[in-house]
C-alpha cells in the first residue's frame, strides 16, 4: 500500500520559487537563502555575496523576490531579509 500524497507546506512551496529565482541573483554575484516562513506568512531570507550591502538589494528583495512569492503563494504576506 502506498502512502497518500502529501500536500507541500508553505515552506516547501516558497523554497521551490526561491530555487527558480536563485540563478538570477547568483548571476549578479549574490545568493539568497531561505531561513524560515512564519505562521503569519512572513518569509525570512538571508542575502549572501554581492547582495550584502548592495544598494539594489532592497529592490531585488521587494520587486524580484517578494512580488514573485506573493504571485505564486497567496499565504505569503511579506519578505524580510535577516542579517
N, C-alpha and C. Protein backbone atom coordinates (compact mmCIF):
# COMPACT_ATOMS: atom_id res chain seq x y z
N UNK A 1 0.83 -1.17 0.00
CA UNK A 1 0.00 0.00 0.00
C UNK A 1 0.88 1.24 0.00
N UNK A 2 0.61 2.17 -0.90
CA UNK A 2 1.42 3.38 -0.93
C UNK A 2 0.77 4.46 -0.07
N UNK A 3 1.63 5.33 0.43
CA UNK A 3 1.15 6.42 1.29
C UNK A 3 0.43 7.45 0.43
N UNK A 4 -0.53 8.13 1.04
CA UNK A 4 -1.25 9.18 0.33
C UNK A 4 -0.30 10.32 0.00
N UNK A 5 -0.47 10.96 -1.15
CA UNK A 5 0.42 12.08 -1.48
C UNK A 5 0.25 13.20 -0.46
N UNK A 6 1.37 13.79 -0.09
CA UNK A 6 1.31 14.86 0.90
C UNK A 6 1.26 16.21 0.18
N UNK A 7 0.53 17.13 0.76
CA UNK A 7 0.45 18.47 0.23
C UNK A 7 1.70 19.23 0.65
N UNK A 8 2.38 19.89 -0.29
CA UNK A 8 3.59 20.63 0.10
C UNK A 8 3.24 21.74 1.10
N UNK A 9 4.11 21.94 2.07
CA UNK A 9 3.91 23.01 3.05
C UNK A 9 4.20 24.35 2.37
N UNK A 10 3.81 25.43 3.04
CA UNK A 10 4.11 26.77 2.53
C UNK A 10 5.63 26.91 2.39
N UNK A 11 6.38 26.41 3.38
CA UNK A 11 7.85 26.47 3.31
C UNK A 11 8.36 25.78 2.05
N UNK A 12 7.84 24.59 1.76
CA UNK A 12 8.26 23.84 0.57
C UNK A 12 7.96 24.61 -0.71
N UNK A 13 6.78 25.23 -0.75
CA UNK A 13 6.39 25.98 -1.95
C UNK A 13 7.25 27.23 -2.11
N UNK A 14 7.56 27.90 -1.00
CA UNK A 14 8.43 29.07 -1.04
C UNK A 14 9.83 28.65 -1.51
N UNK A 15 10.33 27.54 -0.97
CA UNK A 15 11.65 27.05 -1.35
C UNK A 15 11.72 26.77 -2.85
N UNK A 16 10.64 26.25 -3.41
CA UNK A 16 10.60 25.95 -4.84
C UNK A 16 10.70 27.24 -5.67
N UNK A 17 9.98 28.28 -5.27
CA UNK A 17 10.01 29.55 -6.00
C UNK A 17 11.40 30.21 -5.86
N UNK A 18 11.96 30.17 -4.67
CA UNK A 18 13.30 30.75 -4.46
C UNK A 18 14.33 30.01 -5.30
N UNK A 19 14.17 28.71 -5.45
CA UNK A 19 15.09 27.94 -6.29
C UNK A 19 15.05 28.43 -7.74
N UNK A 20 13.88 28.88 -8.18
CA UNK A 20 13.75 29.41 -9.54
C UNK A 20 14.35 30.82 -9.66
N UNK A 21 14.28 31.59 -8.58
CA UNK A 21 14.79 32.96 -8.57
C UNK A 21 16.32 32.98 -8.40
N UNK A 22 16.84 32.02 -7.67
CA UNK A 22 18.26 31.99 -7.28
C UNK A 22 19.24 32.20 -8.43
N UNK A 23 19.07 31.59 -9.62
CA UNK A 23 20.06 31.80 -10.68
C UNK A 23 20.22 33.27 -11.09
N UNK A 24 19.14 34.04 -11.07
CA UNK A 24 19.23 35.46 -11.42
C UNK A 24 20.03 36.22 -10.37
N UNK A 25 19.84 35.88 -9.11
CA UNK A 25 20.58 36.52 -8.03
C UNK A 25 22.06 36.12 -8.11
N UNK A 26 22.30 34.85 -8.38
CA UNK A 26 23.68 34.36 -8.48
C UNK A 26 24.41 34.97 -9.68
N UNK A 27 23.68 35.28 -10.73
CA UNK A 27 24.30 35.89 -11.92
C UNK A 27 24.90 37.26 -11.59
N UNK A 28 24.37 37.90 -10.56
CA UNK A 28 24.89 39.19 -10.13
C UNK A 28 25.91 39.06 -9.00
N UNK A 29 26.35 37.83 -8.72
CA UNK A 29 27.37 37.60 -7.71
C UNK A 29 26.84 37.44 -6.30
N UNK A 30 25.54 37.29 -6.17
CA UNK A 30 24.95 37.12 -4.84
C UNK A 30 24.30 35.77 -4.69
N UNK A 31 23.57 35.62 -3.60
CA UNK A 31 22.80 34.41 -3.39
C UNK A 31 21.71 34.71 -2.36
N UNK A 32 20.71 33.88 -2.34
CA UNK A 32 19.60 34.05 -1.41
C UNK A 32 19.36 32.71 -0.71
N UNK A 33 19.20 32.77 0.60
CA UNK A 33 18.97 31.57 1.42
C UNK A 33 17.63 31.72 2.13
N UNK A 34 16.79 30.71 2.01
CA UNK A 34 15.52 30.69 2.73
C UNK A 34 15.80 30.25 4.16
N UNK A 35 15.44 31.10 5.13
CA UNK A 35 15.68 30.80 6.54
C UNK A 35 14.43 30.19 7.16
N UNK A 36 13.27 30.87 6.98
CA UNK A 36 12.05 30.39 7.62
C UNK A 36 10.84 31.05 6.98
N UNK A 37 9.68 30.46 7.22
CA UNK A 37 8.40 31.07 6.88
C UNK A 37 7.58 31.03 8.16
N UNK A 38 7.20 32.20 8.68
CA UNK A 38 6.46 32.25 9.94
C UNK A 38 5.01 31.86 9.72
N UNK A 39 4.31 31.62 10.82
CA UNK A 39 2.89 31.29 10.75
C UNK A 39 2.08 32.44 10.16
N UNK A 40 2.60 33.66 10.26
CA UNK A 40 1.92 34.84 9.71
C UNK A 40 2.21 35.04 8.22
N UNK A 41 2.98 34.13 7.62
CA UNK A 41 3.27 34.22 6.19
C UNK A 41 4.44 35.12 5.85
N UNK A 42 5.27 35.43 6.86
CA UNK A 42 6.47 36.25 6.61
C UNK A 42 7.62 35.33 6.21
N UNK A 43 8.15 35.57 5.02
CA UNK A 43 9.26 34.78 4.52
C UNK A 43 10.55 35.46 4.97
N UNK A 44 11.38 34.72 5.69
CA UNK A 44 12.66 35.25 6.16
C UNK A 44 13.78 34.67 5.32
N UNK A 45 14.55 35.58 4.71
CA UNK A 45 15.66 35.14 3.87
C UNK A 45 16.94 35.80 4.35
N UNK A 46 18.05 35.27 3.87
CA UNK A 46 19.35 35.86 4.14
C UNK A 46 20.03 36.02 2.78
N UNK A 47 20.52 37.24 2.53
CA UNK A 47 21.23 37.52 1.29
C UNK A 47 22.73 37.30 1.52
N UNK A 48 23.40 36.80 0.50
CA UNK A 48 24.83 36.49 0.60
C UNK A 48 25.59 37.10 -0.57
N UNK A 49 26.90 37.09 -0.46
CA UNK A 49 27.77 37.52 -1.55
C UNK A 49 27.61 38.99 -1.87
N UNK A 50 27.55 39.31 -3.15
CA UNK A 50 27.47 40.69 -3.61
C UNK A 50 26.19 41.38 -3.15
N UNK A 51 25.17 40.61 -2.75
CA UNK A 51 23.91 41.21 -2.29
C UNK A 51 24.06 41.92 -0.96
N UNK A 52 25.02 41.49 -0.15
CA UNK A 52 25.20 42.07 1.18
C UNK A 52 25.73 43.50 1.01
N UNK A 53 24.96 44.45 1.51
CA UNK A 53 25.37 45.84 1.43
C UNK A 53 25.14 46.51 0.10
N UNK A 54 24.61 45.78 -0.87
CA UNK A 54 24.36 46.38 -2.18
C UNK A 54 23.12 47.26 -2.11
N UNK A 55 23.22 48.50 -2.65
CA UNK A 55 22.05 49.38 -2.61
C UNK A 55 20.83 48.81 -3.34
N UNK A 56 21.06 47.98 -4.32
CA UNK A 56 19.95 47.40 -5.09
C UNK A 56 19.31 46.20 -4.40
N UNK A 57 19.90 45.73 -3.30
CA UNK A 57 19.38 44.50 -2.68
C UNK A 57 17.95 44.66 -2.18
N UNK A 58 17.58 45.85 -1.71
CA UNK A 58 16.20 46.04 -1.24
C UNK A 58 15.22 46.01 -2.41
N UNK A 59 15.65 46.52 -3.56
CA UNK A 59 14.80 46.47 -4.75
C UNK A 59 14.66 45.02 -5.20
N UNK A 60 15.77 44.30 -5.20
CA UNK A 60 15.73 42.87 -5.55
C UNK A 60 14.79 42.14 -4.62
N UNK A 61 14.89 42.45 -3.34
CA UNK A 61 14.06 41.79 -2.33
C UNK A 61 12.58 42.08 -2.58
N UNK A 62 12.22 43.35 -2.74
CA UNK A 62 10.81 43.72 -2.85
C UNK A 62 10.23 43.43 -4.23
N UNK A 63 10.94 43.83 -5.27
CA UNK A 63 10.40 43.68 -6.62
C UNK A 63 10.58 42.26 -7.14
N UNK A 64 11.76 41.72 -6.98
CA UNK A 64 12.03 40.39 -7.53
C UNK A 64 11.49 39.27 -6.69
N UNK A 65 11.90 39.22 -5.45
CA UNK A 65 11.58 38.06 -4.61
C UNK A 65 10.17 38.16 -4.03
N UNK A 66 9.85 39.28 -3.37
CA UNK A 66 8.54 39.39 -2.71
C UNK A 66 7.40 39.33 -3.72
N UNK A 67 7.51 40.06 -4.82
CA UNK A 67 6.43 40.05 -5.82
C UNK A 67 6.23 38.65 -6.39
N UNK A 68 7.32 37.97 -6.68
CA UNK A 68 7.24 36.60 -7.21
C UNK A 68 6.57 35.66 -6.22
N UNK A 69 7.00 35.73 -4.97
CA UNK A 69 6.43 34.83 -3.97
C UNK A 69 4.95 35.10 -3.76
N UNK A 70 4.57 36.37 -3.66
CA UNK A 70 3.17 36.71 -3.45
C UNK A 70 2.31 36.29 -4.65
N UNK A 71 2.85 36.37 -5.84
CA UNK A 71 2.11 35.99 -7.03
C UNK A 71 1.83 34.49 -7.08
N UNK A 72 2.77 33.69 -6.56
CA UNK A 72 2.64 32.24 -6.63
C UNK A 72 2.09 31.60 -5.36
N UNK A 73 2.25 32.29 -4.22
CA UNK A 73 1.86 31.70 -2.94
C UNK A 73 1.06 32.73 -2.15
N UNK A 74 -0.27 32.61 -2.18
CA UNK A 74 -1.12 33.62 -1.54
C UNK A 74 -0.90 33.75 -0.03
N UNK A 75 -0.37 32.73 0.61
CA UNK A 75 -0.14 32.78 2.06
C UNK A 75 0.99 33.73 2.45
N UNK A 76 1.86 34.08 1.49
CA UNK A 76 2.99 34.97 1.78
C UNK A 76 2.47 36.39 1.97
N UNK A 77 2.80 36.99 3.13
CA UNK A 77 2.36 38.35 3.42
C UNK A 77 3.48 39.36 3.18
N UNK A 78 4.73 38.96 3.44
CA UNK A 78 5.86 39.85 3.16
C UNK A 78 7.14 39.05 3.22
N UNK A 79 8.23 39.67 2.74
CA UNK A 79 9.54 39.05 2.76
C UNK A 79 10.47 39.99 3.52
N UNK A 80 11.24 39.43 4.45
CA UNK A 80 12.21 40.26 5.16
C UNK A 80 13.57 39.60 5.13
N UNK A 81 14.60 40.44 4.99
CA UNK A 81 15.98 39.94 4.98
C UNK A 81 16.54 40.01 6.38
N UNK A 82 17.15 38.91 6.81
CA UNK A 82 17.80 38.85 8.11
C UNK A 82 19.30 39.15 7.91
N UNK A 83 19.92 39.67 8.96
CA UNK A 83 21.37 39.93 8.89
C UNK A 83 22.15 38.67 9.14
